[in-house]
Amino acid sequence: MNDTLNPTDPRAIFAQAVITARGVVDGITPDQLTLPTPCPDHDVRSLLGHVLIVFRRLAALGNGTDPMDMPDSITGVADDAWPAAYLEAAHQVQAAWTDPATLEQTMVLPWVTAPGAAMLLSYTSELTVHTWDLAVATGHTVAWHEPTVEVAFETALRALPSGDREAYFAEMAKDMPAIAGRPPFKNPVAVDTSAPALDQLIGWYGRRPAFSAS
């Protein structure tokens, strides 16, 4: 994933989401790590650890290994080491997806089977939402790359079911222990269709765009 890729290549789109997220991660200070986030299962520290897992799962998918053979969040990272850990994990994703053939490969998560291109765009949506989570929690202003946000939203609409997702995943968990007790996605929150793509994306992932950490 580099500047030589076509801007419409899913790897280039994900790389842009990584750049946006890095701007937030690099600005988080140790005293902000215990702040609450819009993601109800995580404070800032544990959400940073979850983002590392997002990268590790993507690297596993690209390498053909089991993306679910890991915890939901990485722990034990020093307070001042998150930017370095983030950059290292991003480079692991880049290495795993260098071969364009990965975009055509069928990849499997407990809740979806899809070609690599679709899987990478789905994780672009998740990374964008978690970037917003972290930015809102820590008071950072983000220079959003609007084309990436729009792709993230369009992808989320296709990838995530509407309605009662929590019940859907609870039923699925009966046969898939990997997601038991931790549904990967919350129920959507209604957002006006005239709202910016970012707000609609946030709502589709079950957050309220007006969330305040205070």
Protein backbone atom coordinates (compact mmCIF):
# COMPACT_ATOMS: atom_id res chain seq x y z
CA MET A 1 0.00 0.00 0.00
CA ASN A 2 1.82 3.06 -1.25
CA ASP A 3 1.61 6.10 -3.50
CA THR A 4 1.94 3.97 -6.66
CA LEU A 5 -1.46 2.34 -6.13
CA ASN A 6 -4.52 3.51 -8.02
CA PRO A 7 -6.54 5.72 -5.64
CA THR A 8 -9.52 3.38 -6.09
CA ASP A 9 -7.51 0.32 -5.03
CA PRO A 10 -8.91 -0.88 -1.65
CA ARG A 11 -5.35 -0.96 -0.32
CA ALA A 12 -4.90 2.73 -1.14
CA ILE A 13 -8.23 3.58 0.48
CA PHE A 14 -7.30 1.67 3.62
CA ALA A 15 -3.88 3.35 3.64
CA GLN A 16 -5.58 6.75 3.65
CA ALA A 17 -7.69 5.69 6.63
CA VAL A 18 -4.46 4.62 8.36
CA ILE A 19 -2.93 8.04 7.74
CA THR A 20 -5.98 9.77 9.23
CA ALA A 21 -5.98 7.49 12.25
CA ARG A 22 -2.27 7.98 12.82
CA GLY A 23 -2.81 11.70 13.16
CA VAL A 24 -5.10 11.00 16.11
CA VAL A 25 -3.05 8.23 17.71
CA ASP A 26 0.13 10.30 17.61
CA GLY A 27 -1.60 13.09 19.52
CA ILE A 28 -2.97 11.01 22.39
CA THR A 29 -1.22 11.71 25.68
CA PRO A 30 -0.78 9.28 28.61
CA ASP A 31 -3.24 11.22 30.77
CA GLN A 32 -5.98 10.60 28.17
CA LEU A 33 -5.69 6.81 28.16
CA THR A 34 -8.39 6.25 30.78
CA LEU A 35 -10.98 8.53 29.18
CA PRO A 36 -14.28 6.97 28.07
CA THR A 37 -15.00 6.53 24.37
CA PRO A 38 -18.22 6.24 22.35
CA CYS A 39 -17.39 2.53 22.03
CA PRO A 40 -19.00 1.30 25.27
CA ASP A 41 -16.66 -1.66 25.71
CA HIS A 42 -13.48 0.43 25.64
CA ASP A 43 -11.73 3.38 27.20
CA VAL A 44 -9.01 5.08 25.13
CA ARG A 45 -6.29 2.63 26.15
CA SER A 46 -8.28 -0.52 25.42
CA LEU A 47 -9.62 0.94 22.16
CA LEU A 48 -6.06 1.62 21.02
CA GLY A 49 -5.36 -2.02 21.84
CA HIS A 50 -8.40 -3.05 19.82
CA VAL A 51 -7.19 -1.04 16.82
CA LEU A 52 -3.95 -3.02 16.99
CA ILE A 53 -6.08 -6.18 16.83
CA VAL A 54 -7.87 -4.78 13.77
CA PHE A 55 -4.49 -4.50 12.09
CA ARG A 56 -3.37 -7.94 13.25
CA ARG A 57 -6.56 -9.52 11.95
CA LEU A 58 -6.10 -7.83 8.61
CA ALA A 59 -2.50 -9.02 8.46
CA ALA A 60 -3.68 -12.54 9.30
CA LEU A 61 -6.28 -12.43 6.52
CA GLY A 62 -3.65 -11.28 4.04
CA ASN A 63 -1.24 -13.97 5.19
CA GLY A 64 -3.88 -16.71 5.14
CA THR A 65 -3.83 -17.41 8.89
CA ASP A 66 -6.67 -17.43 11.43
CA PRO A 67 -7.76 -13.83 12.14
CA MET A 68 -9.78 -14.85 15.20
CA ASP A 69 -6.94 -16.61 16.99
CA MET A 70 -6.20 -13.55 19.13
CA PRO A 71 -7.84 -11.50 21.89
CA ASP A 72 -10.19 -8.57 21.30
CA SER A 73 -7.57 -6.05 22.44
CA ILE A 74 -3.81 -5.84 22.92
CA THR A 75 -2.61 -5.00 26.44
CA GLY A 76 0.77 -4.30 28.01
CA VAL A 77 1.75 -1.44 25.70
CA ALA A 78 3.64 1.33 27.53
CA ASP A 79 1.77 4.62 27.82
CA ASP A 80 4.14 6.40 25.45
CA ALA A 81 4.56 3.48 23.01
CA TRP A 82 1.19 3.50 21.23
CA PRO A 83 2.30 5.50 18.15
CA ALA A 84 5.22 3.12 17.54
CA ALA A 85 3.02 0.05 18.09
CA TYR A 86 0.42 1.47 15.71
CA LEU A 87 2.99 2.16 12.99
CA GLU A 88 4.51 -1.30 13.31
CA ALA A 89 1.08 -2.95 13.05
CA ALA A 90 0.20 -0.84 10.00
CA HIS A 91 3.41 -1.94 8.31
CA GLN A 92 2.48 -5.57 9.00
CA VAL A 93 -0.80 -5.03 7.16
CA GLN A 94 1.02 -3.41 4.27
CA ALA A 95 3.39 -6.37 3.96
CA ALA A 96 0.56 -8.91 4.13
CA TRP A 97 -1.44 -7.22 1.35
CA THR A 98 1.38 -6.31 -1.04
CA ASP A 99 0.38 -9.02 -3.54
CA PRO A 100 -2.69 -7.78 -5.47
CA ALA A 101 -3.92 -11.38 -5.59
CA THR A 102 -5.04 -10.98 -1.98
CA LEU A 103 -7.84 -8.73 -3.21
CA GLU A 104 -9.38 -11.67 -5.09
CA GLN A 105 -8.93 -14.33 -2.43
CA THR A 106 -11.95 -15.57 -0.50
CA MET A 107 -11.54 -14.67 3.18
CA VAL A 108 -13.56 -15.80 6.17
CA LEU A 109 -14.58 -14.21 9.45
CA PRO A 110 -17.16 -15.82 11.76
CA TRP A 111 -19.88 -13.47 10.50
CA VAL A 112 -18.93 -13.01 6.84
CA THR A 113 -17.20 -14.62 3.86
CA ALA A 114 -16.03 -12.17 1.20
CA PRO A 115 -13.27 -11.42 -1.32
CA GLY A 116 -10.21 -9.69 0.06
CA ALA A 117 -11.14 -6.36 -1.54
CA ALA A 118 -14.50 -6.26 0.24
CA MET A 119 -12.93 -7.39 3.51
CA LEU A 120 -10.30 -4.64 3.36
CA LEU A 121 -12.95 -1.99 2.71
CA SER A 122 -15.02 -3.29 5.63
CA TYR A 123 -12.03 -2.83 7.90
CA THR A 124 -11.58 0.65 6.42
CA SER A 125 -15.06 1.41 7.75
CA GLU A 126 -14.21 0.02 11.17
CA LEU A 127 -10.91 1.91 11.37
CA THR A 128 -12.63 5.15 10.38
CA VAL A 129 -15.23 4.70 13.11
CA HIS A 130 -12.59 3.91 15.73
CA THR A 131 -10.61 6.96 14.62
CA TRP A 132 -13.71 9.03 15.33
CA ASP A 133 -14.13 7.23 18.69
CA LEU A 134 -10.60 8.15 19.72
CA ALA A 135 -10.81 11.71 18.39
CA VAL A 136 -14.06 12.45 20.20
CA ALA A 137 -12.81 10.89 23.43
CA THR A 138 -9.60 12.93 23.43
CA GLY A 139 -10.85 16.19 21.89
CA HIS A 140 -8.79 15.93 18.70
CA THR A 141 -9.82 17.71 15.52
CA VAL A 142 -9.49 15.42 12.51
CA ALA A 143 -8.77 16.41 8.92
CA TRP A 144 -11.05 13.77 7.41
CA HIS A 145 -10.35 12.55 3.89
CA GLU A 146 -13.91 12.81 2.56
CA PRO A 147 -13.61 10.30 -0.32
CA THR A 148 -12.38 7.68 2.17
CA VAL A 149 -15.22 8.47 4.58
CA GLU A 150 -17.75 8.15 1.75
CA VAL A 151 -16.35 4.76 0.71
CA ALA A 152 -16.35 3.66 4.34
CA PHE A 153 -20.03 4.59 4.68
CA GLU A 154 -21.07 2.98 1.40
CA THR A 155 -19.21 -0.18 2.40
CA ALA A 156 -20.79 -0.26 5.85
CA LEU A 157 -24.28 -0.04 4.33
CA ARG A 158 -23.55 -3.15 2.29
CA ALA A 159 -21.63 -5.04 4.94
CA LEU A 160 -23.64 -4.56 8.13
CA PRO A 161 -27.21 -5.82 8.53
CA SER A 162 -29.91 -3.41 9.59
CA GLY A 163 -32.40 -4.14 12.37
CA ASP A 164 -31.55 -5.93 15.60
CA ARG A 165 -27.91 -6.84 15.01
CA GLU A 166 -27.30 -7.80 18.61
CA ALA A 167 -30.01 -10.47 18.43
CA TYR A 168 -28.66 -11.56 15.06
CA PHE A 169 -25.15 -12.04 16.41
CA ALA A 170 -26.43 -13.66 19.62
CA GLU A 171 -28.15 -16.30 17.49
CA MET A 172 -25.04 -16.70 15.35
CA ALA A 173 -22.90 -17.13 18.48
CA LYS A 174 -24.68 -20.39 19.29
CA ASP A 175 -22.68 -21.98 16.50
CA MET A 176 -19.71 -19.62 16.57
CA PRO A 177 -18.15 -19.43 20.06
CA ALA A 178 -15.61 -16.87 18.83
CA ILE A 179 -18.23 -14.11 19.01
CA ALA A 180 -20.17 -15.33 22.06
CA GLY A 181 -20.66 -12.48 24.51
CA ARG A 182 -18.99 -9.93 22.25
CA PRO A 183 -21.15 -9.11 19.21
CA PRO A 184 -18.88 -7.42 16.67
CA PHE A 185 -21.38 -4.66 15.84
CA LYS A 186 -24.06 -2.77 17.79
CA ASN A 187 -27.53 -1.86 16.56
CA PRO A 188 -27.66 1.17 14.25
CA VAL A 189 -28.69 4.60 15.54
CA ALA A 190 -31.00 6.71 13.39
CA VAL A 191 -29.24 9.66 11.74
CA ASP A 192 -30.81 12.11 9.29
CA THR A 193 -30.03 11.08 5.71
CA SER A 194 -29.02 14.69 4.96
CA ALA A 195 -26.25 14.50 7.58
CA PRO A 196 -22.58 14.28 6.50
CA ALA A 197 -21.32 10.84 5.48
CA LEU A 198 -19.22 10.63 8.65
CA ASP A 199 -22.25 11.14 10.91
CA GLN A 200 -24.23 8.57 8.95
CA LEU A 201 -21.35 6.11 9.20
CA ILE A 202 -21.10 6.67 12.94
CA GLY A 203 -24.82 6.10 13.37
CA TRP A 204 -24.77 2.97 11.23
CA TYR A 205 -22.14 1.57 13.58
CA GLY A 206 -24.34 2.24 16.60
CA ARG A 207 -22.84 5.50 17.86
CA ARG A 208 -24.48 8.87 18.41
CA PRO A 209 -22.62 11.58 16.47
CA ALA A 210 -23.26 14.05 19.29
CA PHE A 211 -21.38 11.93 21.86
CA SER A 212 -19.42 13.94 24.42
CA ALA A 213 -16.69 12.49 26.66
CA SER A 214 -17.35 15.15 29.31
